[in-house]
Protein backbone atom coordinates (compact mmCIF):
# COMPACT_ATOMS: atom_id res chain seq x y z
CA UNK A 1 -5.09 20.14 14.28
CA UNK A 2 -3.51 22.23 11.55
CA UNK A 3 -4.57 22.13 7.94
CA UNK A 4 -2.15 22.67 5.06
CA UNK A 5 -2.96 23.62 1.47
CA UNK A 6 -4.06 20.52 -0.45
CA UNK A 7 -1.53 18.83 -2.69
CA UNK A 8 -4.35 17.03 -4.47
CA UNK A 9 -6.88 18.81 -6.63
CA UNK A 10 -10.43 17.39 -6.56
CA UNK A 11 -11.36 14.99 -9.31
CA UNK A 12 -14.68 13.68 -10.54
CA UNK A 13 -15.17 10.00 -9.62
CA UNK A 14 -15.13 7.74 -12.65
CA UNK A 15 -16.67 4.36 -13.22
CA UNK A 16 -14.39 1.36 -12.71
CA UNK A 17 -15.09 -2.36 -12.49
CA UNK A 18 -17.55 -1.34 -9.81
CA UNK A 19 -17.39 2.06 -8.23
CA UNK A 20 -17.88 3.25 -4.70
CA UNK A 21 -17.67 6.73 -3.24
CA UNK A 22 -16.95 8.00 0.25
CA UNK A 23 -20.66 8.73 0.62
CA UNK A 24 -21.36 5.04 0.18
CA UNK A 25 -18.82 4.26 2.88
CA UNK A 26 -20.12 6.73 5.43
CA UNK A 27 -21.06 4.26 8.13
CA UNK A 28 -20.05 5.28 11.63
CA UNK A 29 -17.48 2.81 12.99
CA UNK A 30 -18.98 0.62 15.70
CA UNK A 31 -16.50 -0.16 18.49
CA UNK A 32 -15.89 -3.88 18.88
CA UNK A 33 -14.25 -4.95 22.15
CA UNK A 34 -12.17 -7.51 20.25
CA UNK A 35 -10.31 -4.66 18.56
CA UNK A 36 -9.90 -2.24 21.47
CA UNK A 37 -6.10 -2.10 21.21
CA UNK A 38 -5.94 -1.05 17.57
CA UNK A 39 -8.87 1.35 17.88
CA UNK A 40 -7.00 3.15 20.66
CA UNK A 41 -3.82 3.27 18.59
CA UNK A 42 -5.58 4.57 15.48
CA UNK A 43 -7.37 7.27 17.48
CA UNK A 44 -4.17 8.38 19.20
CA UNK A 45 -2.11 8.58 16.01
CA UNK A 46 -4.59 9.78 13.41
CA UNK A 47 -2.64 12.07 11.02
CA UNK A 48 -3.93 15.28 9.48
CA UNK A 49 -2.93 16.74 6.13
CA UNK A 50 -0.03 18.71 7.59
CA UNK A 51 1.41 15.49 9.06
CA UNK A 52 0.96 13.57 5.82
CA UNK A 53 2.50 16.30 3.68
CA UNK A 54 5.62 16.69 5.84
CA UNK A 55 8.89 15.88 3.99
CA UNK A 56 10.62 12.53 4.31
CA UNK A 57 14.21 13.63 3.64
CA UNK A 58 14.90 15.26 7.07
CA UNK A 59 13.53 12.19 8.87
CA UNK A 60 15.70 9.96 6.69
CA UNK A 61 18.86 11.97 7.38
CA UNK A 62 18.29 11.71 11.14
CA UNK A 63 17.68 7.97 10.88
CA UNK A 64 20.86 7.44 8.84
CA UNK A 65 22.90 9.27 11.45
CA UNK A 66 21.44 7.21 14.29
CA UNK A 67 21.63 3.87 12.46
CA UNK A 68 24.10 3.87 9.51
CA UNK A 69 22.75 0.47 8.48
CA UNK A 70 19.67 2.22 7.11
CA UNK A 71 21.89 4.28 4.81
CA UNK A 72 23.45 1.05 3.57
CA UNK A 73 19.97 -0.31 2.74
CA UNK A 74 18.90 2.76 0.81
CA UNK A 75 20.42 1.82 -2.62
CA UNK A 76 18.39 -1.42 -2.67
CA UNK A 77 15.07 0.43 -2.38
CA UNK A 78 13.52 2.29 -5.30
CA UNK A 79 14.63 3.24 -8.83
CA UNK A 80 12.30 0.56 -10.22
CA UNK A 81 11.42 0.24 -13.94
CA UNK A 82 8.41 1.85 -15.59
CA UNK A 83 7.20 -0.59 -18.24
CA UNK A 84 4.71 0.40 -20.99
CA UNK A 85 2.03 -2.17 -21.87
CA UNK A 86 -1.21 -1.87 -23.85
CA UNK A 87 -4.42 -1.14 -22.00
CA UNK A 88 -6.80 -4.08 -21.88
CA UNK A 89 -8.88 -2.73 -24.78
CA UNK A 90 -5.82 -1.57 -26.71
CA UNK A 91 -6.84 2.09 -26.94
CA UNK A 92 -4.00 3.42 -24.79
CA UNK A 93 -0.78 2.64 -22.91
CA UNK A 94 -0.52 1.77 -19.23
CA UNK A 95 2.90 2.35 -17.68
CA UNK A 96 3.45 -0.28 -14.99
CA UNK A 97 5.67 0.82 -12.11
CA UNK A 98 7.35 -2.56 -11.64
CA UNK A 99 7.99 -2.67 -7.89
CA UNK A 100 9.20 -6.27 -7.94
CA UNK A 101 12.67 -4.81 -8.62
CA UNK A 102 12.88 -3.62 -5.00
CA UNK A 103 14.70 -5.44 -2.22
CA UNK A 104 12.40 -8.34 -1.14
CA UNK A 105 10.52 -8.03 -4.43
CA UNK A 106 7.61 -5.72 -3.58
CA UNK A 107 6.58 -2.09 -3.17
CA UNK A 108 6.42 -2.78 0.57
CA UNK A 109 10.22 -2.57 0.69
CA UNK A 110 9.79 1.18 0.30
CA UNK A 111 7.19 1.28 3.08
CA UNK A 112 9.27 -0.87 5.41
CA UNK A 113 12.33 1.30 4.88
CA UNK A 114 10.32 4.46 5.55
CA UNK A 115 8.70 3.00 8.68
CA UNK A 116 12.08 1.98 10.09
CA UNK A 117 13.55 5.42 9.36
CA UNK A 118 10.58 6.99 11.12
CA UNK A 119 10.85 4.73 14.16
CA UNK A 120 14.59 5.28 14.61
CA UNK A 121 14.40 9.05 14.04
CA UNK A 122 11.51 9.54 16.47
CA UNK A 123 13.10 7.30 19.11
CA UNK A 124 16.37 9.21 18.84
CA UNK A 125 18.18 5.88 18.91
CA UNK A 126 19.25 3.11 16.58
CA UNK A 127 18.24 0.55 19.19
CA UNK A 128 14.46 0.15 18.99
CA UNK A 129 12.13 -2.75 19.76
CA UNK A 130 9.33 -2.89 17.21
CA UNK A 131 5.91 -4.41 16.62
CA UNK A 132 3.82 -4.40 13.46
CA UNK A 133 1.11 -6.29 11.58
CA UNK A 134 1.04 -7.55 8.00
CA UNK A 135 -0.62 -10.11 5.81
CA UNK A 136 2.53 -10.81 3.82
CA UNK A 137 4.70 -8.44 1.79
CA UNK A 138 5.36 -5.81 4.46
CA UNK A 139 6.13 -8.54 6.98
CA UNK A 140 8.70 -10.05 4.62
CA UNK A 141 10.35 -6.67 4.03
CA UNK A 142 10.39 -5.71 7.71
CA UNK A 143 11.72 -9.08 8.86
CA UNK A 144 14.48 -9.03 6.24
CA UNK A 145 15.53 -5.45 6.97
CA UNK A 146 15.36 -5.83 10.75
CA UNK A 147 17.46 -8.97 10.44
CA UNK A 148 20.11 -7.03 8.54
CA UNK A 149 19.91 -4.09 10.96
CA UNK A 150 19.90 -6.14 14.16
CA UNK A 151 16.52 -4.77 15.27
CA UNK A 152 14.13 -6.69 17.53
CA UNK A 153 10.84 -7.21 15.65
CA UNK A 154 7.59 -8.91 16.71
CA UNK A 155 5.07 -9.36 13.88
CA UNK A 156 1.37 -10.18 14.05
CA UNK A 157 -0.17 -11.92 11.03
CA UNK A 158 -3.76 -12.96 10.25
CA UNK A 159 -4.81 -16.32 11.63
CA UNK A 160 -4.84 -17.91 8.17
CA UNK A 161 -1.43 -16.67 7.03
CA UNK A 162 0.44 -19.40 5.08
CA UNK A 163 2.88 -21.47 7.12
CA UNK A 164 5.42 -20.80 4.36
CA UNK A 165 5.25 -17.09 5.20
CA UNK A 166 5.48 -17.59 8.96
CA UNK A 167 8.51 -19.86 8.59
CA UNK A 168 10.28 -17.33 6.34
CA UNK A 169 9.69 -14.50 8.82
CA UNK A 170 11.09 -16.58 11.66
CA UNK A 171 14.15 -17.50 9.60
CA UNK A 172 14.90 -13.78 9.32
CA UNK A 173 14.79 -13.52 13.11
CA UNK A 174 11.32 -12.04 13.68
CA UNK A 175 8.97 -13.24 16.37
CA UNK A 176 5.58 -14.08 14.84
CA UNK A 177 2.14 -14.31 16.46
CA UNK A 178 -1.06 -15.30 14.67
CA UNK A 179 -4.22 -13.29 15.34
CA UNK A 180 -7.27 -15.08 16.78
CA UNK A 181 -9.32 -17.11 14.31
CA UNK A 182 -12.18 -15.25 12.66
CA UNK A 183 -10.80 -11.74 13.19
CA UNK A 184 -9.33 -11.17 9.72
CA UNK A 185 -6.69 -8.55 9.00
CA UNK A 186 -8.13 -6.21 11.63
CA UNK A 187 -7.39 -8.96 14.15
CA UNK A 188 -3.72 -8.90 13.15
CA UNK A 189 -3.69 -5.13 13.56
CA UNK A 190 -5.18 -5.46 17.03
CA UNK A 191 -2.75 -8.21 18.01
CA UNK A 192 0.21 -6.03 17.02
CA UNK A 193 -1.16 -3.13 19.07
CA UNK A 194 -1.62 -5.46 22.05
CA UNK A 195 1.93 -6.79 21.67
CA UNK A 196 3.31 -3.25 21.56
CA UNK A 197 1.45 -2.34 24.76
CA UNK A 198 2.31 -5.55 26.64
CA UNK A 199 5.96 -5.75 25.59
CA UNK A 200 6.85 -2.06 25.57
CA UNK A 201 7.53 -1.98 21.81
CA UNK A 202 7.07 0.78 19.25
CA UNK A 203 4.09 0.05 17.03
CA UNK A 204 5.01 1.07 13.49
CA UNK A 205 1.31 1.43 12.56
CA UNK A 206 1.66 1.63 8.79
CA UNK A 207 -1.94 2.85 8.36
CA UNK A 208 -1.21 6.07 10.29
CA UNK A 209 2.45 6.66 9.36
CA UNK A 210 2.96 9.90 7.36
CA UNK A 211 6.35 8.66 6.17
CA UNK A 212 4.51 5.87 4.29
CA UNK A 213 3.08 8.62 2.08
CA UNK A 214 6.14 10.87 2.01
CA UNK A 215 8.52 8.19 0.73
CA UNK A 216 6.24 7.55 -2.25
CA UNK A 217 5.79 11.26 -2.92
CA UNK A 218 9.53 11.96 -2.88
CA UNK A 219 10.71 8.68 -4.46
CA UNK A 220 8.13 6.52 -6.26
CA UNK A 221 6.15 9.42 -7.68
CA UNK A 222 9.25 11.45 -8.46
CA UNK A 223 10.71 8.50 -10.37
CA UNK A 224 7.53 8.21 -12.45
CA UNK A 225 7.48 11.94 -13.19
CA UNK A 226 11.12 11.93 -14.28
CA UNK A 227 10.67 8.97 -16.64
CA UNK A 228 7.44 10.19 -18.23
CA UNK A 229 8.81 13.70 -18.64
CA UNK A 230 11.82 12.24 -20.44
CA UNK A 231 9.48 10.27 -22.71
CA UNK A 232 7.32 13.32 -23.39
CA UNK A 233 4.29 11.56 -21.90
CA UNK A 234 1.43 13.36 -20.11
CA UNK A 235 -0.49 10.74 -18.09
CA UNK A 236 -4.28 10.91 -18.03
CA UNK A 237 -4.75 8.64 -15.01
CA UNK A 238 -3.09 6.87 -12.09
CA UNK A 239 -4.32 3.67 -10.46
CA UNK A 240 -3.00 1.90 -7.37
CA UNK A 241 -4.51 -0.75 -5.15
CA UNK A 242 -4.96 0.32 -1.56
CA UNK A 243 -3.68 -1.36 1.58
CA UNK A 244 -2.54 1.39 3.92
CA UNK A 245 -2.93 3.94 1.05
CA UNK A 246 0.61 5.31 1.34
CA UNK A 247 1.57 4.31 -2.20
CA UNK A 248 -1.56 5.75 -3.78
CA UNK A 249 -1.63 9.06 -1.91
CA UNK A 250 2.10 9.76 -2.14
CA UNK A 251 2.38 8.89 -5.82
CA UNK A 252 -0.71 10.94 -6.67
CA UNK A 253 0.70 13.94 -4.82
CA UNK A 254 3.91 13.78 -6.85
CA UNK A 255 2.16 13.38 -10.19
CA UNK A 256 -0.31 16.17 -9.49
CA UNK A 257 2.47 18.63 -8.79
CA UNK A 258 3.25 18.31 -12.53
CA UNK A 259 -0.19 17.30 -13.85
CA UNK A 260 -2.89 18.78 -11.56
CA UNK A 261 -5.75 17.33 -13.61
CA UNK A 262 -4.63 13.69 -13.52
CA UNK A 263 -7.43 11.32 -12.46
CA UNK A 264 -6.28 9.23 -9.49
CA UNK A 265 -8.04 5.91 -8.84
CA UNK A 266 -8.08 4.15 -5.46
CA UNK A 267 -8.52 0.45 -6.20
CA UNK A 268 -10.17 -1.79 -3.60
CA UNK A 269 -11.28 -5.42 -3.71
CA UNK A 270 -14.99 -5.85 -4.36
CA UNK A 271 -14.98 -8.23 -1.39
CA UNK A 272 -13.70 -5.50 1.00
CA UNK A 273 -14.49 -1.97 -0.23
CA UNK A 274 -13.38 1.29 1.33
CA UNK A 275 -15.12 1.96 4.63
CA UNK A 276 -16.74 -1.49 4.55
CA UNK A 277 -19.34 -1.42 7.37
CA UNK A 278 -19.30 -5.18 7.79
CA UNK A 279 -17.00 -7.30 9.93
CA UNK A 280 -13.86 -8.57 8.17
CA UNK A 281 -14.19 -11.94 6.47
CA UNK A 282 -11.80 -14.54 5.11
CA UNK A 283 -13.22 -14.28 1.57
CA UNK A 284 -10.48 -14.47 -1.09
CA UNK A 285 -9.47 -11.07 -2.45
CA UNK A 286 -6.48 -9.24 -3.89
CA UNK A 287 -3.62 -9.72 -1.42
CA UNK A 288 -2.49 -6.72 0.61
CA UNK A 289 -5.55 -4.60 -0.14
CA UNK A 290 -8.97 -3.78 1.18
CA UNK A 291 -11.24 -1.97 3.56
CA UNK A 292 -10.64 -2.60 7.24
CA UNK A 293 -14.23 -3.45 8.17
CA UNK A 294 -16.57 -2.05 10.83
CA UNK A 295 -16.78 1.23 8.90
CA UNK A 296 -13.13 2.10 9.52
CA UNK A 297 -11.34 4.11 6.84
CA UNK A 298 -7.64 4.22 5.99
CA UNK A 299 -6.33 7.24 7.97
CA UNK A 300 -3.84 8.21 5.25
CA UNK A 301 -6.59 8.32 2.62
CA UNK A 302 -9.47 9.77 4.65
CA UNK A 303 -8.30 13.43 4.50
CA UNK A 304 -8.18 13.19 0.68
CA UNK A 305 -11.06 10.85 -0.12
CA UNK A 306 -13.03 13.49 -2.05
CA UNK A 307 -10.08 13.84 -4.41
CA UNK A 308 -10.00 10.26 -5.69
CA UNK A 309 -12.16 8.02 -7.83
CA UNK A 310 -12.86 4.73 -6.06
CA UNK A 311 -12.86 1.47 -8.01
CA UNK A 312 -13.56 -2.11 -6.99
CA UNK A 313 -12.10 -5.22 -8.61
CA UNK A 314 -13.26 -8.71 -7.72
CA UNK A 315 -10.84 -11.52 -6.93
CA UNK A 316 -11.70 -13.58 -10.00
CA UNK A 317 -11.35 -10.56 -12.31
CA UNK A 318 -7.95 -9.74 -10.81
CA UNK A 319 -6.77 -13.32 -11.37
CA UNK A 320 -7.97 -13.07 -14.98
CA UNK A 321 -5.91 -9.89 -15.31
CA UNK A 322 -2.82 -11.65 -13.97
CA UNK A 323 -3.16 -14.41 -16.55
CA UNK A 324 -3.87 -11.99 -19.39
CA UNK A 325 -0.80 -9.83 -18.72
CA UNK A 326 1.38 -12.92 -18.42
CA UNK A 327 0.04 -14.49 -21.61
CA UNK A 328 0.11 -11.37 -23.79
CA UNK A 329 3.01 -9.36 -22.36
CA UNK A 330 5.08 -12.04 -20.58
CA UNK A 331 4.91 -9.95 -17.40
CA UNK A 332 4.14 -11.52 -14.01
CA UNK A 333 2.24 -9.28 -11.60
CA UNK A 334 0.26 -9.73 -8.39
CA UNK A 335 -3.53 -9.66 -8.24
CA UNK A 336 -3.44 -6.14 -6.80
CA UNK A 337 -1.21 -5.01 -9.67
CA UNK A 338 -3.60 -6.60 -12.15
CA UNK A 339 -6.46 -4.75 -10.46
CA UNK A 340 -4.60 -1.47 -10.88
CA UNK A 341 -3.87 -2.25 -14.56
CA UNK A 342 -7.52 -3.13 -15.20
CA UNK A 343 -8.67 0.12 -13.59
CA UNK A 344 -6.14 2.21 -15.50
CA UNK A 345 -7.15 0.40 -18.69
CA UNK A 346 -10.79 1.26 -18.17
CA UNK A 347 -9.91 4.93 -17.72
CA UNK A 348 -8.17 4.84 -21.12
CA UNK A 349 -10.41 2.50 -23.08
CA UNK A 350 -13.54 4.55 -22.41
CA UNK A 351 -11.99 7.64 -24.05
CA UNK A 352 -10.00 8.74 -27.11
CA UNK A 353 -7.19 6.58 -28.46
CA UNK A 354 -3.54 7.25 -27.71
CA UNK A 355 -3.74 8.30 -24.06
CA UNK A 356 -1.47 7.12 -21.24
CA UNK A 357 -1.98 6.03 -17.63
CA UNK A 358 0.20 4.78 -14.76
CA UNK A 359 -0.52 1.70 -12.64
CA UNK A 360 1.54 0.63 -9.64
CA UNK A 361 2.47 -3.06 -9.93
CA UNK A 362 3.15 -3.97 -6.31
CA UNK A 363 4.90 -7.29 -6.98
CA UNK A 364 5.09 -10.35 -9.21
CA UNK A 365 2.54 -12.16 -7.02
CA UNK A 366 2.89 -14.89 -4.42
CA UNK A 367 2.99 -18.63 -4.95
CA UNK A 368 -0.53 -18.80 -3.53
CA UNK A 369 -1.83 -16.15 -5.95
CA UNK A 370 -0.43 -17.91 -8.98
CA UNK A 371 -1.86 -21.21 -7.77
CA UNK A 372 -5.26 -19.51 -7.48
CA UNK A 373 -4.84 -17.98 -10.94
CA UNK A 374 -4.09 -21.41 -12.41
CA UNK A 375 -7.15 -22.93 -10.73
CA UNK A 376 -9.66 -20.37 -12.05
């Protein structure tokens, strides 16, 4: 494999709600026969830094030529607001990248668009049959976009996915299969890989897709840089909750091109930390985030893990953050967005007054999250 010059400068890990480091997550993954399909797929498509740092624009141009419908979708993705709010302790300002303004209401609209561009461009055809896994937001975005584009999509979701979600995906024309009970999110990943093998579909494999980083480097991060530059703001820190890690890594790469010393924080749920050596569980946590279990690490983050601070936020604390932002700022965000805001706040509140940070607010939160927030 080739190695390209790093786009991320090393940073010193900082304390967050609870901190973990790659050294603490160094368990060797133990193969589990229940997950053989996804383990094969991850091994076959593991990206290196050169893959991850490849540009998105040429891939996008090819995809637009092969399927003009993707070009028609492009204006509905991105150019989201950057909203300044006080840090939790009031010593600084956290700029929330409000991704609810995207098509389908989440940051995953960007990821879905990039994955579809990548699939079409690499297939050399606008007629592709696709498979993918998701616990919610990405599934909604993919089903909606594939419905508009006339693409055949089969989604795998965790066994406990809400029936409301499954019904919505099917209304958009997607086939939906639940993973076996007790297998968690990794079970949905494995089910999607099995479906792709059995049905001859292209597995999008968000966790190994370089375009999932590139689109955030060239769009999300670039949007943040442009706005903050116009405001005369030099951010001290960036925080983003991690699912596949595309948002975090891509946005950090863009910001560090202008501010090499920015501290970038990878936010994980305390219930499922990075490189978690244990089997996945159904314990409540921030939606759309978390370690994969069995010692597996996010392939898009692994090449850069020494260059991030790792923070953990518990489910209850994230729900508290949701309520606090809504009560004090009249802003509705998801639990993962609240976790990012709390982590960015800590980076500011432990230092001098008047500093700035950026937190990616993935969405406004689901019905289920707000029900949980009301109950705690």
